[in-house]
């Protein structure tokens, strides 16, 4: 899947869709381009019948998502 940012990552592993907020320097604060990528990722996961659950995580070890950037 083509995303407009490298600050969001997506992968599929079996029936799991993994979405990673990848902006640890800003405690994964979400920018507009990241919000747009979330929609793209979720649309892709929804269109794939093999994806049974979506897990969201934040990169780094400081926070999940600190809010909007």
C-alpha atoms as a PDB file:
ATOM      1  CA  UNK A   1       0.000   0.000   0.000  1.00  0.00           C
ATOM      2  CA  UNK A   2       1.258   3.483  -0.864  1.00  0.00           C
ATOM      3  CA  UNK A   3       1.185   6.002   1.996  1.00  0.00           C
ATOM      4  CA  UNK A   4       1.911   9.735   1.738  1.00  0.00           C
ATOM      5  CA  UNK A   5       4.169   9.645   4.825  1.00  0.00           C
ATOM      6  CA  UNK A   6       6.813   7.494   6.445  1.00  0.00           C
ATOM      7  CA  UNK A   7       5.377   8.414   9.847  1.00  0.00           C
ATOM      8  CA  UNK A   8       2.732   5.708   9.533  1.00  0.00           C
ATOM      9  CA  UNK A   9       3.506   2.037   9.009  1.00  0.00           C
ATOM     10  CA  UNK A  10       1.141  -0.766   8.088  1.00  0.00           C
ATOM     11  CA  UNK A  11       1.600  -4.485   7.777  1.00  0.00           C
ATOM     12  CA  UNK A  12      -0.490  -7.624   7.733  1.00  0.00           C
ATOM     13  CA  UNK A  13       0.439 -10.779   9.565  1.00  0.00           C
ATOM     14  CA  UNK A  14      -2.090 -13.551   9.219  1.00  0.00           C
ATOM     15  CA  UNK A  15      -5.431 -12.134  10.319  1.00  0.00           C
ATOM     16  CA  UNK A  16      -3.860  -9.138  12.080  1.00  0.00           C
ATOM     17  CA  UNK A  17      -3.494  -5.686  10.563  1.00  0.00           C
ATOM     18  CA  UNK A  18      -0.760  -3.729  12.363  1.00  0.00           C
ATOM     19  CA  UNK A  19      -0.843   0.084  12.241  1.00  0.00           C
ATOM     20  CA  UNK A  20       2.123   1.917  13.783  1.00  0.00           C
ATOM     21  CA  UNK A  21       2.271   5.632  14.527  1.00  0.00           C
ATOM     22  CA  UNK A  22       5.930   6.219  13.664  1.00  0.00           C
ATOM     23  CA  UNK A  23       6.861   9.656  15.007  1.00  0.00           C
ATOM     24  CA  UNK A  24       8.680   8.832  18.270  1.00  0.00           C
ATOM     25  CA  UNK A  25      10.667  12.095  18.301  1.00  0.00           C
ATOM     26  CA  UNK A  26       7.334  13.915  18.818  1.00  0.00           C
ATOM     27  CA  UNK A  27       5.875  11.172  21.053  1.00  0.00           C
ATOM     28  CA  UNK A  28       3.869  10.027  18.013  1.00  0.00           C
ATOM     29  CA  UNK A  29       1.884  13.261  17.865  1.00  0.00           C
ATOM     30  CA  UNK A  30      -0.386  12.960  14.844  1.00  0.00           C
ATOM     31  CA  UNK A  31      -0.029  15.339  11.899  1.00  0.00           C
ATOM     32  CA  UNK A  32      -2.533  15.871   9.084  1.00  0.00           C
ATOM     33  CA  UNK A  33      -0.559  13.585   6.767  1.00  0.00           C
ATOM     34  CA  UNK A  34      -0.645  10.876   9.449  1.00  0.00           C
ATOM     35  CA  UNK A  35      -4.454  11.210   9.840  1.00  0.00           C
ATOM     36  CA  UNK A  36      -4.812  10.869   6.071  1.00  0.00           C
ATOM     37  CA  UNK A  37      -2.631   7.751   6.144  1.00  0.00           C
ATOM     38  CA  UNK A  38      -4.815   6.236   8.900  1.00  0.00           C
ATOM     39  CA  UNK A  39      -7.797   6.428   6.525  1.00  0.00           C
ATOM     40  CA  UNK A  40      -5.798   4.795   3.717  1.00  0.00           C
ATOM     41  CA  UNK A  41      -4.599   2.002   6.002  1.00  0.00           C
ATOM     42  CA  UNK A  42      -8.048   1.315   7.421  1.00  0.00           C
ATOM     43  CA  UNK A  43      -9.614   1.244   3.935  1.00  0.00           C
ATOM     44  CA  UNK A  44      -7.012  -1.290   2.840  1.00  0.00           C
ATOM     45  CA  UNK A  45      -7.549  -3.456   5.927  1.00  0.00           C
ATOM     46  CA  UNK A  46     -11.343  -3.289   5.523  1.00  0.00           C
ATOM     47  CA  UNK A  47     -11.111  -4.442   1.905  1.00  0.00           C
ATOM     48  CA  UNK A  48      -9.048  -7.506   2.885  1.00  0.00           C
ATOM     49  CA  UNK A  49     -11.279 -10.297   4.233  1.00  0.00           C
ATOM     50  CA  UNK A  50      -8.262 -12.021   5.784  1.00  0.00           C
ATOM     51  CA  UNK A  51      -7.736  -9.135   8.240  1.00  0.00           C
ATOM     52  CA  UNK A  52      -9.820  -9.990  11.305  1.00  0.00           C
ATOM     53  CA  UNK A  53      -8.464  -7.447  13.815  1.00  0.00           C
ATOM     54  CA  UNK A  54      -6.462  -4.218  13.713  1.00  0.00           C
ATOM     55  CA  UNK A  55      -3.838  -3.429  16.346  1.00  0.00           C
ATOM     56  CA  UNK A  56      -2.590   0.149  16.678  1.00  0.00           C
ATOM     57  CA  UNK A  57       0.708   0.922  18.366  1.00  0.00           C
ATOM     58  CA  UNK A  58       3.110   3.796  18.796  1.00  0.00           C
ATOM     59  CA  UNK A  59       6.789   3.606  17.890  1.00  0.00           C
ATOM     60  CA  UNK A  60       9.367   4.124  20.613  1.00  0.00           C
ATOM     61  CA  UNK A  61       8.959   3.605  24.322  1.00  0.00           C
ATOM     62  CA  UNK A  62       7.652   6.965  25.577  1.00  0.00           C
ATOM     63  CA  UNK A  63       3.995   7.074  24.504  1.00  0.00           C
ATOM     64  CA  UNK A  64       1.294   5.630  22.261  1.00  0.00           C
ATOM     65  CA  UNK A  65       0.055   8.909  20.698  1.00  0.00           C
ATOM     66  CA  UNK A  66       0.557  12.264  22.417  1.00  0.00           C
ATOM     67  CA  UNK A  67      -2.235  14.035  20.524  1.00  0.00           C
ATOM     68  CA  UNK A  68      -2.285  16.311  17.482  1.00  0.00           C
ATOM     69  CA  UNK A  69       0.798  17.968  16.080  1.00  0.00           C
END
